[in-house]
Every structure is written in C-alpha cells, then in structure tokens.
C-alpha cells in the first residue's frame, strides 16, 4: 500500500512539475512541446499504476499512449512549419495577425 501511495504521489508531483514548466516556458515552442510530453508521461505513469493495482484493462493505456504519440507528431509538424515560415521557434517572432 505504501508503494502505491508513493507511486501516485510521485506521478502527481511529475504532473505539477510539467504544468509549472508549461506555464513558465512560453518563449520557445519546442520547450512548450517538451513540457506537454512530460505531462503526458506523468499521466501515463499514473494511469498505468492505477490500472495495474486495480486489475483493469491495459488496452486503454495503449490507446492513450497512441494518442500521446500522435499529439507529439502533430506538435513536431507544427514546429517544422513554424520554423520554415517564420525562421525560428520564438513566439515573439510569430504574429497571429500575419497570414
């Protein structure tokens, strides 16, 4: 029971660190993508710990991992597109009003 409690508290600590990193790193698009992937990793860890201890179905975890990989691929595609059109991944060089 102590191992379950410490695993859940560790994954929640990882989630909070990811949120703080996401909110604090708004200058570069790559750093926001990395913090989003860290948040997904912490949620994956939390779900896997809970599902293993409850004896649940592990196919949902694989589905979540597939969606996280698709989210990462979409983020990298947006990063490449942004670097090609604007020259860098700084949000300061990116203007919403520009077509």
PDB file of N, CA and C in Angstrom:
ATOM      1  N   UNK A   1       0.817  -1.198   0.000  1.00  0.00           N
ATOM      2  CA  UNK A   1       0.000   0.000   0.000  1.00  0.00           C
ATOM      3  C   UNK A   1       0.859   1.259   0.000  1.00  0.00           C
ATOM      4  N   UNK A   2       2.003   1.166   0.682  1.00  0.00           N
ATOM      5  CA  UNK A   2       2.913   2.304   0.718  1.00  0.00           C
ATOM      6  C   UNK A   2       3.521   2.574  -0.654  1.00  0.00           C
ATOM      7  N   UNK A   3       3.798   1.504  -1.407  1.00  0.00           N
ATOM      8  CA  UNK A   3       4.367   1.664  -2.746  1.00  0.00           C
ATOM      9  C   UNK A   3       3.350   2.307  -3.675  1.00  0.00           C
ATOM     10  N   UNK A   4       2.082   1.925  -3.549  1.00  0.00           N
ATOM     11  CA  UNK A   4       1.032   2.526  -4.367  1.00  0.00           C
ATOM     12  C   UNK A   4       0.885   4.006  -4.051  1.00  0.00           C
ATOM     13  N   UNK A   5       0.887   4.347  -2.788  1.00  0.00           N
ATOM     14  CA  UNK A   5       0.757   5.740  -2.375  1.00  0.00           C
ATOM     15  C   UNK A   5       1.937   6.571  -2.857  1.00  0.00           C
ATOM     16  N   UNK A   6       3.141   6.040  -2.749  1.00  0.00           N
ATOM     17  CA  UNK A   6       4.312   6.797  -3.190  1.00  0.00           C
ATOM     18  C   UNK A   6       4.357   6.919  -4.714  1.00  0.00           C
ATOM     19  N   UNK A   7       3.894   5.903  -5.435  1.00  0.00           N
ATOM     20  CA  UNK A   7       3.862   5.985  -6.905  1.00  0.00           C
ATOM     21  C   UNK A   7       2.857   7.014  -7.376  1.00  0.00           C
ATOM     22  N   UNK A   8       1.713   7.062  -6.726  1.00  0.00           N
ATOM     23  CA  UNK A   8       0.701   8.050  -7.103  1.00  0.00           C
ATOM     24  C   UNK A   8       1.165   9.458  -6.755  1.00  0.00           C
ATOM     25  N   UNK A   9       1.766   9.633  -5.600  1.00  0.00           N
ATOM     26  CA  UNK A   9       2.249  10.959  -5.230  1.00  0.00           C
ATOM     27  C   UNK A   9       3.404  11.396  -6.138  1.00  0.00           C
ATOM     28  N   UNK A  10       4.252  10.453  -6.559  1.00  0.00           N
ATOM     29  CA  UNK A  10       5.336  10.786  -7.476  1.00  0.00           C
ATOM     30  C   UNK A  10       4.791  11.210  -8.839  1.00  0.00           C
ATOM     31  N   UNK A  11       3.770  10.519  -9.334  1.00  0.00           N
ATOM     32  CA  UNK A  11       3.206  10.889 -10.637  1.00  0.00           C
ATOM     33  C   UNK A  11       2.473  12.225 -10.560  1.00  0.00           C
ATOM     34  N   UNK A  12       1.825  12.506  -9.437  1.00  0.00           N
ATOM     35  CA  UNK A  12       1.183  13.818  -9.281  1.00  0.00           C
ATOM     36  C   UNK A  12       2.225  14.930  -9.170  1.00  0.00           C
ATOM     37  N   UNK A  13       3.353  14.629  -8.522  1.00  0.00           N
ATOM     38  CA  UNK A  13       4.453  15.602  -8.473  1.00  0.00           C
ATOM     39  C   UNK A  13       5.012  15.856  -9.874  1.00  0.00           C
ATOM     40  N   UNK A  14       5.138  14.782 -10.666  1.00  0.00           N
ATOM     41  CA  UNK A  14       5.586  14.940 -12.053  1.00  0.00           C
ATOM     42  C   UNK A  14       4.611  15.805 -12.838  1.00  0.00           C
ATOM     43  N   UNK A  15       3.314  15.592 -12.620  1.00  0.00           N
ATOM     44  CA  UNK A  15       2.290  16.373 -13.328  1.00  0.00           C
ATOM     45  C   UNK A  15       2.380  17.852 -12.964  1.00  0.00           C
ATOM     46  N   UNK A  16       2.538  18.147 -11.687  1.00  0.00           N
ATOM     47  CA  UNK A  16       2.640  19.541 -11.245  1.00  0.00           C
ATOM     48  C   UNK A  16       3.899  20.187 -11.804  1.00  0.00           C
ATOM     49  N   UNK A  17       5.008  19.461 -11.824  1.00  0.00           N
ATOM     50  CA  UNK A  17       6.243  19.995 -12.410  1.00  0.00           C
ATOM     51  C   UNK A  17       6.070  20.267 -13.904  1.00  0.00           C
ATOM     52  N   UNK A  18       5.351  19.401 -14.595  1.00  0.00           N
ATOM     53  CA  UNK A  18       5.077  19.617 -16.011  1.00  0.00           C
ATOM     54  C   UNK A  18       4.209  20.836 -16.257  1.00  0.00           C
ATOM     55  N   UNK A  19       3.202  21.034 -15.407  1.00  0.00           N
ATOM     56  CA  UNK A  19       2.341  22.215 -15.544  1.00  0.00           C
ATOM     57  C   UNK A  19       3.132  23.485 -15.275  1.00  0.00           C
ATOM     58  N   UNK A  20       3.972  23.484 -14.251  1.00  0.00           N
ATOM     59  CA  UNK A  20       4.802  24.660 -13.949  1.00  0.00           C
ATOM     60  C   UNK A  20       5.751  24.943 -15.106  1.00  0.00           C
ATOM     61  N   UNK A  21       6.325  23.905 -15.675  1.00  0.00           N
ATOM     62  CA  UNK A  21       7.215  24.080 -16.820  1.00  0.00           C
ATOM     63  C   UNK A  21       6.458  24.602 -18.034  1.00  0.00           C
ATOM     64  N   UNK A  22       5.240  24.116 -18.236  1.00  0.00           N
ATOM     65  CA  UNK A  22       4.442  24.572 -19.377  1.00  0.00           C
ATOM     66  C   UNK A  22       4.064  26.038 -19.238  1.00  0.00           C
ATOM     67  N   UNK A  23       3.698  26.446 -18.048  1.00  0.00           N
ATOM     68  CA  UNK A  23       3.309  27.837 -17.827  1.00  0.00           C
ATOM     69  C   UNK A  23       4.530  28.755 -17.861  1.00  0.00           C
ATOM     70  N   UNK A  24       5.653  28.283 -17.352  1.00  0.00           N
ATOM     71  CA  UNK A  24       6.838  29.130 -17.275  1.00  0.00           C
ATOM     72  C   UNK A  24       7.630  29.233 -18.561  1.00  0.00           C
ATOM     73  N   UNK A  25       7.535  28.247 -19.434  1.00  0.00           N
ATOM     74  CA  UNK A  25       8.351  28.233 -20.648  1.00  0.00           C
ATOM     75  C   UNK A  25       7.489  28.593 -21.850  1.00  0.00           C
ATOM     76  N   UNK A  26       7.180  29.874 -21.968  1.00  0.00           N
ATOM     77  CA  UNK A  26       6.337  30.310 -23.077  1.00  0.00           C
ATOM     78  C   UNK A  26       7.124  31.047 -24.152  1.00  0.00           C
ATOM     79  N   UNK A  27       8.434  31.016 -24.082  1.00  0.00           N
ATOM     80  CA  UNK A  27       9.232  31.767 -25.043  1.00  0.00           C
ATOM     81  C   UNK A  27       9.478  30.973 -26.318  1.00  0.00           C
ATOM     82  N   UNK A  28       9.753  29.688 -26.169  1.00  0.00           N
ATOM     83  CA  UNK A  28      10.035  28.838 -27.321  1.00  0.00           C
ATOM     84  C   UNK A  28       8.961  27.767 -27.464  1.00  0.00           C
ATOM     85  N   UNK A  29       8.619  27.471 -28.693  1.00  0.00           N
ATOM     86  CA  UNK A  29       7.597  26.473 -28.976  1.00  0.00           C
ATOM     87  C   UNK A  29       8.094  25.065 -28.649  1.00  0.00           C
ATOM     88  N   UNK A  30       9.374  24.803 -28.847  1.00  0.00           N
ATOM     89  CA  UNK A  30       9.921  23.482 -28.553  1.00  0.00           C
ATOM     90  C   UNK A  30       9.865  23.166 -27.066  1.00  0.00           C
ATOM     91  N   UNK A  31      10.142  24.145 -26.221  1.00  0.00           N
ATOM     92  CA  UNK A  31      10.077  23.900 -24.777  1.00  0.00           C
ATOM     93  C   UNK A  31       8.647  23.645 -24.311  1.00  0.00           C
ATOM     94  N   UNK A  32       7.667  24.290 -24.922  1.00  0.00           N
ATOM     95  CA  UNK A  32       6.273  24.003 -24.566  1.00  0.00           C
ATOM     96  C   UNK A  32       5.878  22.601 -25.027  1.00  0.00           C
ATOM     97  N   UNK A  33       6.373  22.175 -26.186  1.00  0.00           N
ATOM     98  CA  UNK A  33       6.086  20.817 -26.642  1.00  0.00           C
ATOM     99  C   UNK A  33       6.721  19.774 -25.724  1.00  0.00           C
ATOM    100  N   UNK A  34       7.942  20.029 -25.274  1.00  0.00           N
ATOM    101  CA  UNK A  34       8.598  19.101 -24.348  1.00  0.00           C
ATOM    102  C   UNK A  34       7.866  19.026 -23.017  1.00  0.00           C
ATOM    103  N   UNK A  35       7.389  20.146 -22.521  1.00  0.00           N
ATOM    104  CA  UNK A  35       6.649  20.106 -21.263  1.00  0.00           C
ATOM    105  C   UNK A  35       5.302  19.405 -21.433  1.00  0.00           C
ATOM    106  N   UNK A  36       4.659  19.535 -22.588  1.00  0.00           N
ATOM    107  CA  UNK A  36       3.422  18.787 -22.843  1.00  0.00           C
ATOM    108  C   UNK A  36       3.681  17.288 -22.888  1.00  0.00           C
ATOM    109  N   UNK A  37       4.795  16.886 -23.478  1.00  0.00           N
ATOM    110  CA  UNK A  37       5.138  15.466 -23.498  1.00  0.00           C
ATOM    111  C   UNK A  37       5.451  14.959 -22.093  1.00  0.00           C
ATOM    112  N   UNK A  38       6.049  15.784 -21.272  1.00  0.00           N
ATOM    113  CA  UNK A  38       6.314  15.400 -19.886  1.00  0.00           C
ATOM    114  C   UNK A  38       5.010  15.232 -19.109  1.00  0.00           C
ATOM    115  N   UNK A  39       4.042  16.096 -19.364  1.00  0.00           N
ATOM    116  CA  UNK A  39       2.726  15.966 -18.735  1.00  0.00           C
ATOM    117  C   UNK A  39       2.064  14.671 -19.176  1.00  0.00           C
ATOM    118  N   UNK A  40       2.160  14.348 -20.469  1.00  0.00           N
ATOM    119  CA  UNK A  40       1.586  13.096 -20.959  1.00  0.00           C
ATOM    120  C   UNK A  40       2.275  11.883 -20.337  1.00  0.00           C
ATOM    121  N   UNK A  41       3.581  11.971 -20.138  1.00  0.00           N
ATOM    122  CA  UNK A  41       4.310  10.887 -19.494  1.00  0.00           C
ATOM    123  C   UNK A  41       3.859  10.690 -18.051  1.00  0.00           C
ATOM    124  N   UNK A  42       3.624  11.774 -17.336  1.00  0.00           N
ATOM    125  CA  UNK A  42       3.171  11.653 -15.951  1.00  0.00           C
ATOM    126  C   UNK A  42       1.758  11.087 -15.873  1.00  0.00           C
ATOM    127  N   UNK A  43       0.895  11.472 -16.794  1.00  0.00           N
ATOM    128  CA  UNK A  43      -0.460  10.914 -16.821  1.00  0.00           C
ATOM    129  C   UNK A  43      -0.410   9.437 -17.192  1.00  0.00           C
ATOM    130  N   UNK A  44       0.465   9.080 -18.131  1.00  0.00           N
ATOM    131  CA  UNK A  44       0.622   7.673 -18.495  1.00  0.00           C
ATOM    132  C   UNK A  44       1.108   6.854 -17.304  1.00  0.00           C
ATOM    133  N   UNK A  45       2.064   7.377 -16.551  1.00  0.00           N
ATOM    134  CA  UNK A  45       2.572   6.678 -15.375  1.00  0.00           C
ATOM    135  C   UNK A  45       1.458   6.506 -14.335  1.00  0.00           C
ATOM    136  N   UNK A  46       0.684   7.567 -14.091  1.00  0.00           N
ATOM    137  CA  UNK A  46      -0.404   7.496 -13.122  1.00  0.00           C
ATOM    138  C   UNK A  46      -1.456   6.477 -13.545  1.00  0.00           C
ATOM    139  N   UNK A  47      -1.834   6.493 -14.813  1.00  0.00           N
ATOM    140  CA  UNK A  47      -2.835   5.542 -15.298  1.00  0.00           C
ATOM    141  C   UNK A  47      -2.324   4.115 -15.232  1.00  0.00           C
ATOM    142  N   UNK A  48      -1.067   3.901 -15.559  1.00  0.00           N
ATOM    143  CA  UNK A  48      -0.550   2.537 -15.516  1.00  0.00           C
ATOM    144  C   UNK A  48      -0.455   2.016 -14.088  1.00  0.00           C
ATOM    145  N   UNK A  49      -0.072   2.851 -13.142  1.00  0.00           N
ATOM    146  CA  UNK A  49      -0.008   2.424 -11.740  1.00  0.00           C
ATOM    147  C   UNK A  49      -1.402   2.083 -11.223  1.00  0.00           C
ATOM    148  N   UNK A  50      -2.363   2.924 -11.542  1.00  0.00           N
ATOM    149  CA  UNK A  50      -3.728   2.684 -11.065  1.00  0.00           C
ATOM    150  C   UNK A  50      -4.329   1.453 -11.733  1.00  0.00           C
ATOM    151  N   UNK A  51      -4.140   1.309 -13.041  1.00  0.00           N
ATOM    152  CA  UNK A  51      -4.730   0.157 -13.742  1.00  0.00           C
ATOM    153  C   UNK A  51      -4.114  -1.167 -13.305  1.00  0.00           C
ATOM    154  N   UNK A  52      -2.819  -1.176 -13.055  1.00  0.00           N
ATOM    155  CA  UNK A  52      -2.177  -2.418 -12.622  1.00  0.00           C
ATOM    156  C   UNK A  52      -2.664  -2.810 -11.225  1.00  0.00           C
ATOM    157  N   UNK A  53      -2.791  -1.833 -10.341  1.00  0.00           N
ATOM    158  CA  UNK A  53      -3.207  -2.141  -8.976  1.00  0.00           C
ATOM    159  C   UNK A  53      -4.690  -2.460  -8.864  1.00  0.00           C
ATOM    160  N   UNK A  54      -5.508  -1.926  -9.746  1.00  0.00           N
ATOM    161  CA  UNK A  54      -6.934  -2.230  -9.713  1.00  0.00           C
ATOM    162  C   UNK A  54      -7.284  -3.451 -10.551  1.00  0.00           C
ATOM    163  N   UNK A  55      -6.341  -3.921 -11.343  1.00  0.00           N
ATOM    164  CA  UNK A  55      -6.603  -5.078 -12.189  1.00  0.00           C
ATOM    165  C   UNK A  55      -7.449  -4.733 -13.394  1.00  0.00           C
ATOM    166  N   UNK A  56      -7.346  -3.516 -13.865  1.00  0.00           N
ATOM    167  CA  UNK A  56      -8.136  -3.079 -15.003  1.00  0.00           C
ATOM    168  C   UNK A  56      -7.544  -3.511 -16.324  1.00  0.00           C
ATOM    169  N   UNK A  57      -8.229  -3.130 -17.377  1.00  0.00           N
ATOM    170  CA  UNK A  57      -7.815  -3.476 -18.727  1.00  0.00           C
ATOM    171  C   UNK A  57      -6.705  -2.531 -19.180  1.00  0.00           C
ATOM    172  N   UNK A  58      -5.634  -3.079 -19.701  1.00  0.00           N
ATOM    173  CA  UNK A  58      -4.480  -2.275 -20.085  1.00  0.00           C
ATOM    174  C   UNK A  58      -4.559  -1.755 -21.515  1.00  0.00           C
ATOM    175  N   UNK A  59      -5.611  -2.107 -22.268  1.00  0.00           N
ATOM    176  CA  UNK A  59      -5.743  -1.616 -23.633  1.00  0.00           C
ATOM    177  C   UNK A  59      -6.021  -0.116 -23.670  1.00  0.00           C
ATOM    178  N   UNK A  60      -6.669   0.392 -22.657  1.00  0.00           N
ATOM    179  CA  UNK A  60      -6.919   1.831 -22.599  1.00  0.00           C
ATOM    180  C   UNK A  60      -5.613   2.604 -22.469  1.00  0.00           C
ATOM    181  N   UNK A  61      -4.655   2.047 -21.745  1.00  0.00           N
ATOM    182  CA  UNK A  61      -3.354   2.701 -21.603  1.00  0.00           C
ATOM    183  C   UNK A  61      -2.625   2.737 -22.939  1.00  0.00           C
ATOM    184  N   UNK A  62      -2.725   1.668 -23.714  1.00  0.00           N
ATOM    185  CA  UNK A  62      -2.115   1.664 -25.047  1.00  0.00           C
ATOM    186  C   UNK A  62      -2.789   2.661 -25.978  1.00  0.00           C
ATOM    187  N   UNK A  63      -4.098   2.798 -25.859  1.00  0.00           N
ATOM    188  CA  UNK A  63      -4.828   3.803 -26.645  1.00  0.00           C
ATOM    189  C   UNK A  63      -4.377   5.206 -26.266  1.00  0.00           C
ATOM    190  N   UNK A  64      -4.208   5.461 -24.974  1.00  0.00           N
ATOM    191  CA  UNK A  64      -3.732   6.765 -24.519  1.00  0.00           C
ATOM    192  C   UNK A  64      -2.315   7.034 -25.014  1.00  0.00           C
ATOM    193  N   UNK A  65      -1.465   6.026 -24.989  1.00  0.00           N
ATOM    194  CA  UNK A  65      -0.097   6.175 -25.469  1.00  0.00           C
ATOM    195  C   UNK A  65      -0.067   6.461 -26.964  1.00  0.00           C
ATOM    196  N   UNK A  66      -0.976   5.850 -27.717  1.00  0.00           N
ATOM    197  CA  UNK A  66      -1.083   6.123 -29.152  1.00  0.00           C
ATOM    198  C   UNK A  66      -1.504   7.567 -29.402  1.00  0.00           C
ATOM    199  N   UNK A  67      -2.473   8.053 -28.639  1.00  0.00           N
ATOM    200  CA  UNK A  67      -2.895   9.444 -28.794  1.00  0.00           C
ATOM    201  C   UNK A  67      -1.793  10.420 -28.391  1.00  0.00           C
ATOM    202  N   UNK A  68      -1.015  10.084 -27.384  1.00  0.00           N
ATOM    203  CA  UNK A  68       0.100  10.945 -26.976  1.00  0.00           C
ATOM    204  C   UNK A  68       1.171  10.996 -28.064  1.00  0.00           C
ATOM    205  N   UNK A  69       1.416   9.868 -28.732  1.00  0.00           N
ATOM    206  CA  UNK A  69       2.389   9.849 -29.829  1.00  0.00           C
ATOM    207  C   UNK A  69       1.883  10.671 -31.014  1.00  0.00           C
ATOM    208  N   UNK A  70       0.597  10.593 -31.292  1.00  0.00           N
ATOM    209  CA  UNK A  70       0.018  11.408 -32.370  1.00  0.00           C
ATOM    210  C   UNK A  70       0.084  12.888 -32.029  1.00  0.00           C
ATOM    211  N   UNK A  71      -0.122  13.222 -30.769  1.00  0.00           N
ATOM    212  CA  UNK A  71      -0.015  14.615 -30.339  1.00  0.00           C
ATOM    213  C   UNK A  71       1.419  15.120 -30.492  1.00  0.00           C
ATOM    214  N   UNK A  72       2.387  14.279 -30.184  1.00  0.00           N
ATOM    215  CA  UNK A  72       3.783  14.670 -30.357  1.00  0.00           C
ATOM    216  C   UNK A  72       4.154  14.861 -31.808  1.00  0.00           C
ATOM    217  N   UNK A  73       3.659  13.978 -32.676  1.00  0.00           N
ATOM    218  CA  UNK A  73       3.943  14.108 -34.112  1.00  0.00           C
ATOM    219  C   UNK A  73       3.295  15.367 -34.682  1.00  0.00           C
ATOM    220  N   UNK A  74       2.092  15.672 -34.250  1.00  0.00           N
ATOM    221  CA  UNK A  74       1.418  16.890 -34.715  1.00  0.00           C
ATOM    222  C   UNK A  74       2.154  18.133 -34.228  1.00  0.00           C
ATOM    223  N   UNK A  75       2.638  18.105 -32.990  1.00  0.00           N
ATOM    224  CA  UNK A  75       3.400  19.233 -32.466  1.00  0.00           C
ATOM    225  C   UNK A  75       4.706  19.440 -33.210  1.00  0.00           C
ATOM    226  N   UNK A  76       5.392  18.351 -33.538  1.00  0.00           N
ATOM    227  CA  UNK A  76       6.633  18.487 -34.316  1.00  0.00           C
ATOM    228  C   UNK A  76       6.370  18.992 -35.723  1.00  0.00           C
ATOM    229  N   UNK A  77       5.254  18.575 -36.323  1.00  0.00           N
ATOM    230  CA  UNK A  77       4.895  19.090 -37.649  1.00  0.00           C
ATOM    231  C   UNK A  77       4.612  20.584 -37.589  1.00  0.00           C
ATOM    232  N   UNK A  78       3.942  21.031 -36.543  1.00  0.00           N
ATOM    233  CA  UNK A  78       3.703  22.464 -36.379  1.00  0.00           C
ATOM    234  C   UNK A  78       4.996  23.221 -36.125  1.00  0.00           C
ATOM    235  N   UNK A  79       5.912  22.614 -35.392  1.00  0.00           N
ATOM    236  CA  UNK A  79       7.205  23.245 -35.140  1.00  0.00           C
ATOM    237  C   UNK A  79       7.992  23.413 -36.428  1.00  0.00           C
ATOM    238  N   UNK A  80       8.029  22.388 -37.267  1.00  0.00           N
ATOM    239  CA  UNK A  80       8.747  22.467 -38.542  1.00  0.00           C
ATOM    240  C   UNK A  80       8.101  23.516 -39.438  1.00  0.00           C
ATOM    241  N   UNK A  81       6.778  23.546 -39.472  1.00  0.00           N
ATOM    242  CA  UNK A  81       6.078  24.547 -40.285  1.00  0.00           C
ATOM    243  C   UNK A  81       6.357  25.961 -39.783  1.00  0.00           C
ATOM    244  N   UNK A  82       6.383  26.136 -38.483  1.00  0.00           N
ATOM    245  CA  UNK A  82       6.644  27.461 -37.913  1.00  0.00           C
ATOM    246  C   UNK A  82       8.072  27.910 -38.180  1.00  0.00           C
ATOM    247  N   UNK A  83       9.028  26.994 -38.095  1.00  0.00           N
ATOM    248  CA  UNK A  83      10.424  27.362 -38.363  1.00  0.00           C
ATOM    249  C   UNK A  83      10.609  27.692 -39.835  1.00  0.00           C
ATOM    250  N   UNK A  84       9.934  26.971 -40.714  1.00  0.00           N
ATOM    251  CA  UNK A  84      10.066  27.262 -42.151  1.00  0.00           C
ATOM    252  C   UNK A  84       9.445  28.592 -42.533  1.00  0.00           C
ATOM    253  N   UNK A  85       8.327  28.943 -41.927  1.00  0.00           N
ATOM    254  CA  UNK A  85       7.659  30.185 -42.322  1.00  0.00           C
ATOM    255  C   UNK A  85       8.185  31.411 -41.593  1.00  0.00           C
ATOM    256  N   UNK A  86       8.587  31.258 -40.317  1.00  0.00           N
ATOM    257  CA  UNK A  86       8.980  32.418 -39.514  1.00  0.00           C
ATOM    258  C   UNK A  86      10.459  32.460 -39.167  1.00  0.00           C
ATOM    259  N   UNK A  87      11.197  31.397 -39.413  1.00  0.00           N
ATOM    260  CA  UNK A  87      12.634  31.416 -39.199  1.00  0.00           C
ATOM    261  C   UNK A  87      13.111  30.937 -37.846  1.00  0.00           C
ATOM    262  N   UNK A  88      12.260  30.879 -36.861  1.00  0.00           N
ATOM    263  CA  UNK A  88      12.658  30.381 -35.536  1.00  0.00           C
ATOM    264  C   UNK A  88      11.410  29.898 -34.803  1.00  0.00           C
ATOM    265  N   UNK A  89      11.641  29.344 -33.605  1.00  0.00           N
ATOM    266  CA  UNK A  89      10.510  28.869 -32.820  1.00  0.00           C
ATOM    267  C   UNK A  89      10.147  29.824 -31.687  1.00  0.00           C
ATOM    268  N   UNK A  90      10.650  31.035 -31.741  1.00  0.00           N
ATOM    269  CA  UNK A  90      10.285  32.047 -30.741  1.00  0.00           C
ATOM    270  C   UNK A  90       8.858  32.506 -30.981  1.00  0.00           C
ATOM    271  N   UNK A  91       8.128  32.638 -29.897  1.00  0.00           N
ATOM    272  CA  UNK A  91       6.769  33.155 -30.030  1.00  0.00           C
ATOM    273  C   UNK A  91       6.752  34.656 -30.299  1.00  0.00           C
ATOM    274  N   UNK A  92       7.848  35.343 -30.001  1.00  0.00           N
ATOM    275  CA  UNK A  92       7.900  36.773 -30.251  1.00  0.00           C
ATOM    276  C   UNK A  92       7.953  37.082 -31.747  1.00  0.00           C
ATOM    277  N   UNK A  93       8.524  36.168 -32.544  1.00  0.00           N
ATOM    278  CA  UNK A  93       8.578  36.383 -33.994  1.00  0.00           C
ATOM    279  C   UNK A  93       7.309  35.924 -34.687  1.00  0.00           C
ATOM    280  N   UNK A  94       6.431  35.279 -33.939  1.00  0.00           N
ATOM    281  CA  UNK A  94       5.189  34.756 -34.502  1.00  0.00           C
ATOM    282  C   UNK A  94       4.064  35.736 -34.252  1.00  0.00           C
ATOM    283  N   UNK A  95       3.409  36.172 -35.300  1.00  0.00           N
ATOM    284  CA  UNK A  95       2.311  37.103 -35.181  1.00  0.00           C
ATOM    285  C   UNK A  95       1.010  36.431 -35.611  1.00  0.00           C
ATOM    286  N   UNK A  96      -0.023  36.594 -34.826  1.00  0.00           N
ATOM    287  CA  UNK A  96      -1.313  35.994 -35.120  1.00  0.00           C
ATOM    288  C   UNK A  96      -1.991  36.713 -36.280  1.00  0.00           C
ATOM    289  N   UNK A  97      -1.705  37.977 -36.429  1.00  0.00           N
ATOM    290  CA  UNK A  97      -2.352  38.773 -37.469  1.00  0.00           C
ATOM    291  C   UNK A  97      -1.779  38.519 -38.851  1.00  0.00           C
ATOM    292  N   UNK A  98      -0.628  37.876 -38.919  1.00  0.00           N
ATOM    293  CA  UNK A  98       0.015  37.606 -40.191  1.00  0.00           C
ATOM    294  C   UNK A  98      -0.594  36.372 -40.840  1.00  0.00           C
ATOM    295  N   UNK A  99      -0.804  36.426 -42.154  1.00  0.00           N
ATOM    296  CA  UNK A  99      -1.396  35.300 -42.867  1.00  0.00           C
ATOM    297  C   UNK A  99      -0.400  34.220 -43.157  1.00  0.00           C
TER     298      UNK A  99
END
